[in-house]
Amino acid sequence: MAGPSLREQAYTQILAMIVNGEIPKGAVTSEIQLSQKLDMSRTPIRAALQQLELEGFVRIASKHGVIILDSSSQRVGDLLDIIASLALFCVSDAFISRETELRRLAREKEEAYQSLRSADPTEPHALIAFEYELLLSSLRLSNNNEMEKIMQSSMARLFWNQNTARWRAPHGTQTDVIVKALIRSIGLDFDSFRFALLDYSRVLKMTWR
């Protein structure tokens, strides 16, 4: 089986640099700089950048290089709504056909969250990674790869792992309560999950930077 093409390799590596903050939001880079950094020719770099521009991560500005885009407030709200809608759809379906799996997931995530909070309750990045996996795990119950890709793309465009405000003062205590309620609701019923997800979505929108 053939491995990823050079364009795919360039896309994956550049996206990782953007999402992880190695290339900061608002920064300007170029095909030449990226070509040197990744040790690739400019052709796959250019193709990867064109794909990233279509997805809203960069803007290719003639004579000005490649600008890493920040997230506008409207764009943030739209992307968070997409994530919530995907989770709601998949979990509602699971409550009909996979209730036992939902309850098992709720127990597993509740134990994992308690362990995480006991280990280092002030470290936001581990908590953000936990939220990421919680949302994706709820989505995977539907066995819908396309929806999973949309959620992952939406999270990447939000720079999910860079946003720590909800876990810091003065929001950390409220976020903790809301995340616990969200986990617990997965094992209860659809209405409980819907209301818990709404509260979670609100705190994300309120604290996103």
N, C-alpha and C. Protein backbone atom coordinates (compact mmCIF):
# COMPACT_ATOMS: atom_id res chain seq x y z
N MET A 1 0.85 -1.20 0.00
CA MET A 1 0.00 0.00 0.00
C MET A 1 0.88 1.25 0.00
N ALA A 2 0.59 2.18 -0.90
CA ALA A 2 1.41 3.39 -1.03
C ALA A 2 1.25 4.28 0.20
N GLY A 3 2.36 4.91 0.58
CA GLY A 3 2.32 5.83 1.71
C GLY A 3 1.76 7.17 1.28
N PRO A 4 1.67 8.11 2.23
CA PRO A 4 1.14 9.44 1.90
C PRO A 4 2.02 10.15 0.89
N SER A 5 1.40 10.92 0.01
CA SER A 5 2.14 11.68 -0.98
C SER A 5 2.90 12.82 -0.30
N LEU A 6 3.79 13.45 -1.05
CA LEU A 6 4.52 14.60 -0.50
C LEU A 6 3.57 15.73 -0.13
N ARG A 7 2.52 15.94 -0.94
CA ARG A 7 1.54 16.97 -0.61
C ARG A 7 0.86 16.65 0.71
N GLU A 8 0.48 15.38 0.90
CA GLU A 8 -0.18 14.98 2.14
C GLU A 8 0.76 15.12 3.34
N GLN A 9 2.02 14.76 3.14
CA GLN A 9 3.00 14.92 4.22
C GLN A 9 3.18 16.39 4.58
N ALA A 10 3.28 17.23 3.55
CA ALA A 10 3.45 18.67 3.79
C ALA A 10 2.23 19.24 4.50
N TYR A 11 1.04 18.84 4.06
CA TYR A 11 -0.20 19.31 4.68
C TYR A 11 -0.24 18.94 6.16
N THR A 12 0.04 17.68 6.46
CA THR A 12 -0.02 17.20 7.85
C THR A 12 0.97 17.95 8.73
N GLN A 13 2.18 18.15 8.24
CA GLN A 13 3.22 18.80 9.05
C GLN A 13 2.94 20.29 9.24
N ILE A 14 2.50 20.96 8.20
CA ILE A 14 2.21 22.40 8.32
C ILE A 14 1.00 22.61 9.23
N LEU A 15 -0.03 21.78 9.07
CA LEU A 15 -1.21 21.90 9.93
C LEU A 15 -0.82 21.69 11.39
N ALA A 16 0.02 20.71 11.67
CA ALA A 16 0.46 20.46 13.05
C ALA A 16 1.20 21.67 13.60
N MET A 17 2.03 22.31 12.79
CA MET A 17 2.76 23.50 13.25
C MET A 17 1.82 24.65 13.57
N ILE A 18 0.74 24.77 12.78
CA ILE A 18 -0.24 25.84 13.02
C ILE A 18 -1.04 25.55 14.28
N VAL A 19 -1.57 24.33 14.37
CA VAL A 19 -2.45 23.96 15.49
C VAL A 19 -1.69 23.98 16.82
N ASN A 20 -0.43 23.56 16.81
CA ASN A 20 0.36 23.52 18.04
C ASN A 20 0.99 24.86 18.41
N GLY A 21 0.81 25.86 17.55
CA GLY A 21 1.33 27.18 17.85
C GLY A 21 2.79 27.38 17.49
N GLU A 22 3.39 26.39 16.82
CA GLU A 22 4.78 26.56 16.38
C GLU A 22 4.88 27.71 15.39
N ILE A 23 3.86 27.84 14.54
CA ILE A 23 3.70 29.03 13.71
C ILE A 23 2.51 29.78 14.32
N PRO A 24 2.73 30.88 15.01
CA PRO A 24 1.64 31.53 15.76
C PRO A 24 0.58 32.14 14.86
N LYS A 25 -0.63 32.27 15.41
CA LYS A 25 -1.71 32.97 14.72
C LYS A 25 -1.27 34.40 14.42
N GLY A 26 -1.53 34.85 13.20
CA GLY A 26 -1.15 36.20 12.80
C GLY A 26 0.25 36.29 12.21
N ALA A 27 1.03 35.22 12.32
CA ALA A 27 2.39 35.23 11.78
C ALA A 27 2.37 35.14 10.26
N VAL A 28 3.48 35.52 9.67
CA VAL A 28 3.63 35.44 8.21
C VAL A 28 4.80 34.53 7.90
N THR A 29 4.59 33.57 7.02
CA THR A 29 5.66 32.69 6.58
C THR A 29 5.65 32.67 5.05
N SER A 30 6.34 31.74 4.44
CA SER A 30 6.40 31.69 2.98
C SER A 30 6.66 30.27 2.51
N GLU A 31 6.43 30.05 1.23
CA GLU A 31 6.73 28.74 0.64
C GLU A 31 8.20 28.39 0.84
N ILE A 32 9.06 29.38 0.65
CA ILE A 32 10.51 29.13 0.74
C ILE A 32 10.88 28.71 2.16
N GLN A 33 10.38 29.44 3.16
CA GLN A 33 10.70 29.11 4.55
C GLN A 33 10.21 27.72 4.92
N LEU A 34 8.98 27.40 4.51
CA LEU A 34 8.43 26.09 4.83
C LEU A 34 9.15 24.99 4.07
N SER A 35 9.54 25.27 2.84
CA SER A 35 10.28 24.30 2.04
C SER A 35 11.61 23.96 2.72
N GLN A 36 12.29 24.98 3.22
CA GLN A 36 13.55 24.76 3.91
C GLN A 36 13.35 24.01 5.23
N LYS A 37 12.31 24.40 5.96
CA LYS A 37 12.05 23.79 7.27
C LYS A 37 11.69 22.31 7.14
N LEU A 38 10.88 21.98 6.14
CA LEU A 38 10.41 20.61 5.96
C LEU A 38 11.29 19.80 5.02
N ASP A 39 12.29 20.46 4.44
CA ASP A 39 13.20 19.80 3.50
C ASP A 39 12.42 19.15 2.35
N MET A 40 11.57 19.97 1.74
CA MET A 40 10.77 19.52 0.59
C MET A 40 10.86 20.57 -0.51
N SER A 41 10.52 20.16 -1.72
CA SER A 41 10.44 21.13 -2.80
C SER A 41 9.22 22.02 -2.59
N ARG A 42 9.15 23.12 -3.32
CA ARG A 42 8.05 24.07 -3.12
C ARG A 42 6.72 23.58 -3.70
N THR A 43 6.77 22.62 -4.64
CA THR A 43 5.53 22.16 -5.27
C THR A 43 4.55 21.53 -4.28
N PRO A 44 4.97 20.52 -3.47
CA PRO A 44 4.02 19.97 -2.49
C PRO A 44 3.67 20.97 -1.39
N ILE A 45 4.60 21.86 -1.06
CA ILE A 45 4.32 22.91 -0.06
C ILE A 45 3.21 23.81 -0.58
N ARG A 46 3.31 24.22 -1.84
CA ARG A 46 2.30 25.11 -2.43
C ARG A 46 0.93 24.43 -2.45
N ALA A 47 0.90 23.16 -2.84
CA ALA A 47 -0.38 22.43 -2.89
C ALA A 47 -0.98 22.29 -1.49
N ALA A 48 -0.14 22.04 -0.51
CA ALA A 48 -0.63 21.92 0.87
C ALA A 48 -1.18 23.25 1.37
N LEU A 49 -0.50 24.33 1.06
CA LEU A 49 -0.96 25.66 1.48
C LEU A 49 -2.28 26.03 0.82
N GLN A 50 -2.45 25.64 -0.43
CA GLN A 50 -3.72 25.91 -1.12
C GLN A 50 -4.87 25.18 -0.43
N GLN A 51 -4.61 23.94 0.01
CA GLN A 51 -5.63 23.19 0.74
C GLN A 51 -5.93 23.85 2.09
N LEU A 52 -4.89 24.28 2.77
CA LEU A 52 -5.07 24.95 4.07
C LEU A 52 -5.80 26.28 3.92
N GLU A 53 -5.60 26.95 2.79
CA GLU A 53 -6.33 28.19 2.54
C GLU A 53 -7.82 27.89 2.34
N LEU A 54 -8.13 26.83 1.61
CA LEU A 54 -9.53 26.45 1.40
C LEU A 54 -10.21 26.12 2.73
N GLU A 55 -9.45 25.57 3.67
CA GLU A 55 -10.01 25.16 4.96
C GLU A 55 -10.02 26.30 5.98
N GLY A 56 -9.48 27.45 5.60
CA GLY A 56 -9.56 28.61 6.48
C GLY A 56 -8.43 28.77 7.48
N PHE A 57 -7.32 28.04 7.29
CA PHE A 57 -6.21 28.16 8.23
C PHE A 57 -5.23 29.27 7.85
N VAL A 58 -5.08 29.52 6.55
CA VAL A 58 -4.11 30.51 6.09
C VAL A 58 -4.73 31.36 4.98
N ARG A 59 -4.05 32.47 4.69
CA ARG A 59 -4.38 33.24 3.49
C ARG A 59 -3.09 33.45 2.73
N ILE A 60 -3.09 33.07 1.47
CA ILE A 60 -1.92 33.25 0.62
C ILE A 60 -2.03 34.62 -0.02
N ALA A 61 -1.15 35.52 0.38
CA ALA A 61 -1.20 36.90 -0.09
C ALA A 61 -0.04 37.14 -1.05
N SER A 62 -0.36 37.46 -2.28
CA SER A 62 0.67 37.71 -3.29
C SER A 62 1.62 38.80 -2.81
N LYS A 63 2.91 38.52 -2.88
CA LYS A 63 3.99 39.44 -2.49
C LYS A 63 4.09 39.65 -0.98
N HIS A 64 3.19 39.05 -0.21
CA HIS A 64 3.24 39.21 1.25
C HIS A 64 3.43 37.89 1.98
N GLY A 65 3.52 36.80 1.26
CA GLY A 65 3.74 35.52 1.90
C GLY A 65 2.44 34.83 2.30
N VAL A 66 2.54 34.00 3.32
CA VAL A 66 1.41 33.19 3.80
C VAL A 66 1.07 33.64 5.21
N ILE A 67 -0.15 34.11 5.41
CA ILE A 67 -0.57 34.64 6.71
C ILE A 67 -1.37 33.57 7.45
N ILE A 68 -0.98 33.30 8.70
CA ILE A 68 -1.72 32.35 9.53
C ILE A 68 -2.91 33.08 10.13
N LEU A 69 -4.11 32.59 9.82
CA LEU A 69 -5.32 33.30 10.21
C LEU A 69 -5.69 33.04 11.66
N ASP A 70 -6.19 34.08 12.31
CA ASP A 70 -6.78 33.96 13.64
C ASP A 70 -8.25 33.61 13.47
N SER A 71 -8.94 33.33 14.57
CA SER A 71 -10.36 33.00 14.51
C SER A 71 -11.19 34.21 14.88
N SER A 72 -12.07 34.65 13.99
CA SER A 72 -12.99 35.73 14.32
C SER A 72 -14.05 35.20 15.29
N SER A 73 -14.72 36.10 16.01
CA SER A 73 -15.73 35.67 16.98
C SER A 73 -16.88 34.93 16.29
N GLN A 74 -17.27 35.38 15.09
CA GLN A 74 -18.34 34.71 14.36
C GLN A 74 -17.91 33.31 13.95
N ARG A 75 -16.68 33.20 13.47
CA ARG A 75 -16.17 31.90 13.05
C ARG A 75 -16.08 30.95 14.23
N VAL A 76 -15.61 31.45 15.38
CA VAL A 76 -15.53 30.62 16.58
C VAL A 76 -16.90 30.09 16.95
N GLY A 77 -17.89 30.98 16.99
CA GLY A 77 -19.25 30.56 17.34
C GLY A 77 -19.79 29.51 16.39
N ASP A 78 -19.54 29.70 15.09
CA ASP A 78 -20.03 28.74 14.09
C ASP A 78 -19.37 27.37 14.28
N LEU A 79 -18.06 27.36 14.52
CA LEU A 79 -17.34 26.10 14.68
C LEU A 79 -17.75 25.38 15.96
N LEU A 80 -17.94 26.12 17.04
CA LEU A 80 -18.40 25.50 18.28
C LEU A 80 -19.81 24.94 18.12
N ASP A 81 -20.64 25.62 17.35
CA ASP A 81 -21.99 25.10 17.08
C ASP A 81 -21.93 23.81 16.27
N ILE A 82 -21.00 23.73 15.33
CA ILE A 82 -20.83 22.50 14.54
C ILE A 82 -20.46 21.34 15.46
N ILE A 83 -19.49 21.58 16.35
CA ILE A 83 -19.05 20.53 17.27
C ILE A 83 -20.20 20.06 18.15
N ALA A 84 -20.95 21.00 18.70
CA ALA A 84 -22.08 20.64 19.57
C ALA A 84 -23.15 19.88 18.79
N SER A 85 -23.43 20.30 17.57
CA SER A 85 -24.46 19.64 16.76
C SER A 85 -24.06 18.21 16.42
N LEU A 86 -22.80 18.00 16.09
CA LEU A 86 -22.32 16.65 15.78
C LEU A 86 -22.44 15.75 17.00
N ALA A 87 -22.01 16.25 18.17
CA ALA A 87 -22.09 15.46 19.40
C ALA A 87 -23.54 15.14 19.73
N LEU A 88 -24.41 16.13 19.59
CA LEU A 88 -25.82 15.93 19.92
C LEU A 88 -26.46 14.88 19.00
N PHE A 89 -26.17 14.97 17.72
CA PHE A 89 -26.75 14.02 16.76
C PHE A 89 -26.29 12.60 17.06
N CYS A 90 -24.99 12.42 17.27
CA CYS A 90 -24.45 11.07 17.46
C CYS A 90 -24.89 10.46 18.78
N VAL A 91 -24.92 11.26 19.83
CA VAL A 91 -25.34 10.73 21.13
C VAL A 91 -26.84 10.45 21.14
N SER A 92 -27.63 11.27 20.47
CA SER A 92 -29.08 11.00 20.40
C SER A 92 -29.33 9.67 19.71
N ASP A 93 -28.56 9.39 18.67
CA ASP A 93 -28.69 8.11 17.97
C ASP A 93 -28.25 6.97 18.87
N ALA A 94 -27.17 7.19 19.64
CA ALA A 94 -26.67 6.14 20.53
C ALA A 94 -27.64 5.84 21.67
N PHE A 95 -28.38 6.83 22.14
CA PHE A 95 -29.36 6.59 23.19
C PHE A 95 -30.46 5.63 22.71
N ILE A 96 -30.69 5.60 21.41
CA ILE A 96 -31.71 4.71 20.85
C ILE A 96 -31.17 3.29 20.69
N SER A 97 -29.92 3.17 20.23
CA SER A 97 -29.42 1.85 19.84
C SER A 97 -28.20 1.35 20.63
N ARG A 98 -27.54 2.22 21.38
CA ARG A 98 -26.31 1.81 22.08
C ARG A 98 -26.27 2.35 23.51
N GLU A 99 -27.35 2.21 24.22
CA GLU A 99 -27.45 2.80 25.56
C GLU A 99 -26.43 2.18 26.51
N THR A 100 -26.20 0.87 26.40
CA THR A 100 -25.22 0.21 27.27
C THR A 100 -23.83 0.77 27.03
N GLU A 101 -23.48 0.99 25.77
CA GLU A 101 -22.17 1.55 25.44
C GLU A 101 -22.02 2.97 25.97
N LEU A 102 -23.10 3.74 25.92
CA LEU A 102 -23.07 5.10 26.46
C LEU A 102 -22.80 5.10 27.95
N ARG A 103 -23.46 4.21 28.67
CA ARG A 103 -23.27 4.16 30.11
C ARG A 103 -21.86 3.70 30.47
N ARG A 104 -21.33 2.78 29.68
CA ARG A 104 -19.95 2.34 29.90
C ARG A 104 -18.98 3.49 29.64
N LEU A 105 -19.24 4.24 28.57
CA LEU A 105 -18.39 5.39 28.25
C LEU A 105 -18.44 6.42 29.38
N ALA A 106 -19.62 6.68 29.91
CA ALA A 106 -19.76 7.66 31.01
C ALA A 106 -18.96 7.22 32.23
N ARG A 107 -19.02 5.93 32.57
CA ARG A 107 -18.26 5.43 33.73
C ARG A 107 -16.77 5.56 33.50
N GLU A 108 -16.32 5.16 32.32
CA GLU A 108 -14.89 5.22 32.00
C GLU A 108 -14.37 6.66 32.04
N LYS A 109 -15.12 7.58 31.45
CA LYS A 109 -14.68 8.97 31.40
C LYS A 109 -14.76 9.63 32.78
N GLU A 110 -15.73 9.23 33.59
CA GLU A 110 -15.83 9.78 34.94
C GLU A 110 -14.61 9.38 35.77
N GLU A 111 -14.21 8.11 35.67
CA GLU A 111 -13.03 7.63 36.39
C GLU A 111 -11.77 8.32 35.87
N ALA A 112 -11.66 8.44 34.55
CA ALA A 112 -10.48 9.09 33.96
C ALA A 112 -10.38 10.55 34.38
N TYR A 113 -11.52 11.22 34.43
CA TYR A 113 -11.53 12.64 34.80
C TYR A 113 -11.14 12.82 36.27
N GLN A 114 -11.65 11.96 37.14
CA GLN A 114 -11.30 12.03 38.55
C GLN A 114 -9.80 11.82 38.76
N SER A 115 -9.24 10.86 38.04
CA SER A 115 -7.80 10.60 38.13
C SER A 115 -6.99 11.79 37.65
N LEU A 116 -7.45 12.38 36.57
CA LEU A 116 -6.76 13.54 36.00
C LEU A 116 -6.78 14.72 36.96
N ARG A 117 -7.91 14.99 37.55
CA ARG A 117 -8.02 16.11 38.49
C ARG A 117 -7.21 15.85 39.75
N SER A 118 -7.11 14.60 40.16
CA SER A 118 -6.33 14.27 41.36
C SER A 118 -4.84 14.42 41.10
N ALA A 119 -4.42 14.08 39.88
CA ALA A 119 -2.99 14.11 39.55
C ALA A 119 -2.45 15.53 39.49
N ASP A 120 -3.12 16.41 38.75
CA ASP A 120 -2.66 17.80 38.63
C ASP A 120 -3.85 18.67 38.24
N PRO A 121 -4.62 19.12 39.23
CA PRO A 121 -5.86 19.84 38.94
C PRO A 121 -5.68 21.21 38.30
N THR A 122 -4.44 21.71 38.24
CA THR A 122 -4.22 23.06 37.71
C THR A 122 -3.60 23.05 36.31
N GLU A 123 -3.36 21.87 35.73
CA GLU A 123 -2.69 21.79 34.43
C GLU A 123 -3.76 21.79 33.33
N PRO A 124 -3.93 22.90 32.61
CA PRO A 124 -5.05 23.00 31.68
C PRO A 124 -4.92 22.15 30.43
N HIS A 125 -3.70 21.91 29.94
CA HIS A 125 -3.57 21.24 28.66
C HIS A 125 -4.02 19.78 28.72
N ALA A 126 -3.77 19.12 29.85
CA ALA A 126 -4.26 17.75 30.01
C ALA A 126 -5.79 17.72 30.05
N LEU A 127 -6.39 18.73 30.67
CA LEU A 127 -7.85 18.81 30.73
C LEU A 127 -8.45 19.08 29.35
N ILE A 128 -7.79 19.93 28.58
CA ILE A 128 -8.24 20.23 27.22
C ILE A 128 -8.16 18.97 26.35
N ALA A 129 -7.07 18.21 26.51
CA ALA A 129 -6.93 16.96 25.76
C ALA A 129 -8.03 15.96 26.17
N PHE A 130 -8.38 15.95 27.46
CA PHE A 130 -9.46 15.08 27.93
C PHE A 130 -10.78 15.46 27.27
N GLU A 131 -11.09 16.76 27.23
CA GLU A 131 -12.33 17.22 26.59
C GLU A 131 -12.37 16.79 25.12
N TYR A 132 -11.24 16.95 24.46
CA TYR A 132 -11.13 16.58 23.04
C TYR A 132 -11.52 15.12 22.85
N GLU A 133 -10.93 14.25 23.68
CA GLU A 133 -11.20 12.81 23.56
C GLU A 133 -12.62 12.47 24.00
N LEU A 134 -13.15 13.19 24.99
CA LEU A 134 -14.53 12.96 25.42
C LEU A 134 -15.51 13.20 24.27
N LEU A 135 -15.34 14.32 23.58
CA LEU A 135 -16.24 14.64 22.48
C LEU A 135 -16.08 13.66 21.32
N LEU A 136 -14.84 13.31 21.00
CA LEU A 136 -14.63 12.36 19.90
C LEU A 136 -15.14 10.97 20.26
N SER A 137 -14.98 10.56 21.52
CA SER A 137 -15.47 9.24 21.94
C SER A 137 -16.98 9.15 21.82
N SER A 138 -17.67 10.23 22.16
CA SER A 138 -19.13 10.22 22.03
C SER A 138 -19.53 10.14 20.56
N LEU A 139 -18.72 10.75 19.70
CA LEU A 139 -19.02 10.75 18.27
C LEU A 139 -18.76 9.37 17.66
N ARG A 140 -17.73 8.69 18.14
CA ARG A 140 -17.33 7.41 17.54
C ARG A 140 -18.38 6.32 17.75
N LEU A 141 -19.29 6.51 18.69
CA LEU A 141 -20.35 5.53 18.89
C LEU A 141 -21.24 5.40 17.66
N SER A 142 -21.24 6.44 16.83
CA SER A 142 -22.07 6.40 15.62
C SER A 142 -21.38 5.70 14.46
N ASN A 143 -20.06 5.43 14.62
CA ASN A 143 -19.28 4.80 13.54
C ASN A 143 -19.38 5.58 12.23
N ASN A 144 -19.35 6.90 12.34
CA ASN A 144 -19.45 7.76 11.16
C ASN A 144 -18.12 8.50 10.98
N ASN A 145 -17.28 7.97 10.10
CA ASN A 145 -15.95 8.54 9.91
C ASN A 145 -16.00 9.97 9.38
N GLU A 146 -16.98 10.26 8.54
CA GLU A 146 -17.08 11.60 7.95
C GLU A 146 -17.37 12.63 9.04
N MET A 147 -18.28 12.32 9.96
CA MET A 147 -18.58 13.24 11.05
C MET A 147 -17.37 13.43 11.96
N GLU A 148 -16.64 12.35 12.18
CA GLU A 148 -15.44 12.45 13.02
C GLU A 148 -14.41 13.38 12.37
N LYS A 149 -14.25 13.27 11.06
CA LYS A 149 -13.31 14.15 10.36
C LYS A 149 -13.75 15.61 10.45
N ILE A 150 -15.06 15.86 10.34
CA ILE A 150 -15.57 17.23 10.43
C ILE A 150 -15.30 17.80 11.82
N MET A 151 -15.53 16.98 12.86
CA MET A 151 -15.28 17.47 14.21
C MET A 151 -13.79 17.75 14.43
N GLN A 152 -12.93 16.85 13.98
CA GLN A 152 -11.49 17.05 14.14
C GLN A 152 -11.03 18.30 13.40
N SER A 153 -11.55 18.51 12.20
CA SER A 153 -11.20 19.70 11.43
C SER A 153 -11.68 20.96 12.13
N SER A 154 -12.90 20.93 12.67
CA SER A 154 -13.44 22.10 13.38
C SER A 154 -12.60 22.42 14.61
N MET A 155 -12.19 21.40 15.34
CA MET A 155 -11.35 21.61 16.53
C MET A 155 -9.99 22.17 16.14
N ALA A 156 -9.44 21.67 15.05
CA ALA A 156 -8.14 22.18 14.59
C ALA A 156 -8.26 23.65 14.20
N ARG A 157 -9.33 24.02 13.50
CA ARG A 157 -9.51 25.41 13.07
C ARG A 157 -9.74 26.35 14.26
N LEU A 158 -10.18 25.80 15.37
CA LEU A 158 -10.36 26.59 16.59
C LEU A 158 -9.07 26.70 17.40
N PHE A 159 -8.00 25.99 16.97
CA PHE A 159 -6.77 25.91 17.77
C PHE A 159 -7.13 25.41 19.18
N TRP A 160 -7.86 24.29 19.20
CA TRP A 160 -8.45 23.75 20.43
C TRP A 160 -7.43 23.64 21.56
N ASN A 161 -6.26 23.09 21.27
CA ASN A 161 -5.31 22.82 22.37
C ASN A 161 -4.56 24.06 22.83
N GLN A 162 -4.82 25.22 22.22
CA GLN A 162 -4.18 26.46 22.68
C GLN A 162 -5.10 27.28 23.58
N ASN A 163 -6.37 26.92 23.65
CA ASN A 163 -7.32 27.75 24.40
C ASN A 163 -7.48 27.23 25.81
N THR A 164 -6.88 27.92 26.77
CA THR A 164 -6.87 27.45 28.16
C THR A 164 -7.72 28.30 29.10
N ALA A 165 -8.35 29.37 28.60
CA ALA A 165 -9.00 30.34 29.48
C ALA A 165 -10.08 29.72 30.36
N ARG A 166 -10.80 28.73 29.82
CA ARG A 166 -11.91 28.16 30.61
C ARG A 166 -11.42 27.40 31.83
N TRP A 167 -10.15 26.98 31.83
CA TRP A 167 -9.62 26.23 32.96
C TRP A 167 -8.82 27.10 33.91
N ARG A 168 -8.80 28.39 33.67
CA ARG A 168 -8.07 29.31 34.54
C ARG A 168 -9.06 30.22 35.26
N ALA A 169 -8.58 30.86 36.32
CA ALA A 169 -9.43 31.79 37.08
C ALA A 169 -9.90 32.91 36.14
N PRO A 170 -11.14 33.35 36.25
CA PRO A 170 -12.14 32.97 37.27
C PRO A 170 -13.11 31.89 36.80
N HIS A 171 -12.77 31.19 35.68
CA HIS A 171 -13.74 30.27 35.07
C HIS A 171 -13.51 28.81 35.43
N GLY A 172 -12.35 28.48 36.00
CA GLY A 172 -11.98 27.08 36.19
C GLY A 172 -12.97 26.26 37.00
N THR A 173 -13.46 26.82 38.10
CA THR A 173 -14.40 26.08 38.96
C THR A 173 -15.70 25.78 38.22
N GLN A 174 -16.21 26.78 37.52
CA GLN A 174 -17.45 26.60 36.75
C GLN A 174 -17.26 25.55 35.66
N THR A 175 -16.13 25.61 34.96
CA THR A 175 -15.86 24.64 33.90
C THR A 175 -15.79 23.23 34.45
N ASP A 176 -15.16 23.07 35.61
CA ASP A 176 -15.06 21.76 36.25
C ASP A 176 -16.46 21.18 36.51
N VAL A 177 -17.34 21.99 37.08
CA VAL A 177 -18.71 21.55 37.38
C VAL A 177 -19.44 21.16 36.09
N ILE A 178 -19.28 21.96 35.06
CA ILE A 178 -19.99 21.72 33.80
C ILE A 178 -19.48 20.47 33.09
N VAL A 179 -18.16 20.26 33.10
CA VAL A 179 -17.60 19.06 32.47
C VAL A 179 -18.04 17.80 33.22
N LYS A 180 -18.04 17.85 34.55
CA LYS A 180 -18.53 16.70 35.33
C LYS A 180 -19.98 16.38 34.97
N ALA A 181 -20.80 17.42 34.86
CA ALA A 181 -22.21 17.22 34.51
C ALA A 181 -22.35 16.64 33.11
N LEU A 182 -21.50 17.09 32.18
CA LEU A 182 -21.55 16.58 30.81
C LEU A 182 -21.21 15.10 30.77
N ILE A 183 -20.16 14.72 31.49
CA ILE A 183 -19.77 13.30 31.54
C ILE A 183 -20.91 12.46 32.12
N ARG A 184 -21.44 12.90 33.24
CA ARG A 184 -22.51 12.16 33.92
C ARG A 184 -23.74 12.02 33.02
N SER A 185 -24.05 13.07 32.26
CA SER A 185 -25.26 13.07 31.43
C SER A 185 -25.21 12.03 30.32
N ILE A 186 -24.01 11.66 29.90
CA ILE A 186 -23.87 10.65 28.84
C ILE A 186 -24.49 9.32 29.27
N GLY A 187 -24.46 9.05 30.58
CA GLY A 187 -25.02 7.81 31.08
C GLY A 187 -26.45 7.92 31.57
N LEU A 188 -27.09 9.07 31.39
CA LEU A 188 -28.45 9.27 31.89
C LEU A 188 -29.49 9.15 30.78
N ASP A 189 -29.81 10.25 30.14
CA ASP A 189 -30.82 10.24 29.07
C ASP A 189 -30.54 11.40 28.12
N PHE A 190 -31.26 11.41 27.00
CA PHE A 190 -30.97 12.40 25.96
C PHE A 190 -31.17 13.83 26.44
N ASP A 191 -32.27 14.10 27.15
CA ASP A 191 -32.52 15.48 27.60
C ASP A 191 -31.43 15.96 28.55
N SER A 192 -30.98 15.08 29.44
CA SER A 192 -29.90 15.46 30.36
C SER A 192 -28.64 15.82 29.58
N PHE A 193 -28.34 15.01 28.56
CA PHE A 193 -27.16 15.29 27.74
C PHE A 193 -27.32 16.60 26.98
N ARG A 194 -28.50 16.82 26.43
CA ARG A 194 -28.73 18.03 25.63
C ARG A 194 -28.53 19.29 26.47
N PHE A 195 -29.08 19.30 27.68
CA PHE A 195 -28.94 20.48 28.53
C PHE A 195 -27.50 20.65 29.02
N ALA A 196 -26.83 19.54 29.34
CA ALA A 196 -25.43 19.61 29.78
C ALA A 196 -24.53 20.10 28.65
N LEU A 197 -24.81 19.64 27.43
CA LEU A 197 -24.03 20.07 26.27
C LEU A 197 -24.25 21.56 25.99
N LEU A 198 -25.46 22.02 26.19
CA LEU A 198 -25.76 23.45 26.00
C LEU A 198 -24.96 24.29 26.99
N ASP A 199 -24.91 23.87 28.25
CA ASP A 199 -24.12 24.59 29.26
C ASP A 199 -22.64 24.58 28.89
N TYR A 200 -22.17 23.43 28.41
CA TYR A 200 -20.76 23.32 28.03
C TYR A 200 -20.44 24.23 26.85
N SER A 201 -21.32 24.24 25.86
CA SER A 201 -21.12 25.09 24.69
C SER A 201 -21.09 26.57 25.09
N ARG A 202 -21.94 26.94 26.04
CA ARG A 202 -21.96 28.34 26.50
C ARG A 202 -20.64 28.74 27.15
N VAL A 203 -20.09 27.87 27.98
CA VAL A 203 -18.84 28.23 28.66
C VAL A 203 -17.69 28.30 27.65
N LEU A 204 -17.72 27.46 26.62
CA LEU A 204 -16.70 27.55 25.57
C LEU A 204 -16.79 28.89 24.85
N LYS A 205 -17.99 29.28 24.46
CA LYS A 205 -18.16 30.54 23.73
C LYS A 205 -17.79 31.74 24.61
N MET A 206 -18.08 31.65 25.89
CA MET A 206 -17.81 32.76 26.80
C MET A 206 -16.31 32.96 27.03
N THR A 207 -15.54 31.87 26.97
CA THR A 207 -14.13 31.95 27.35
C THR A 207 -13.17 31.86 26.18
N TRP A 208 -13.69 31.63 24.96
CA TRP A 208 -12.76 31.40 23.83
C TRP A 208 -11.99 32.67 23.51
N ARG A 209 -10.68 32.49 23.28
CA ARG A 209 -9.80 33.62 22.96
C ARG A 209 -9.13 33.40 21.61
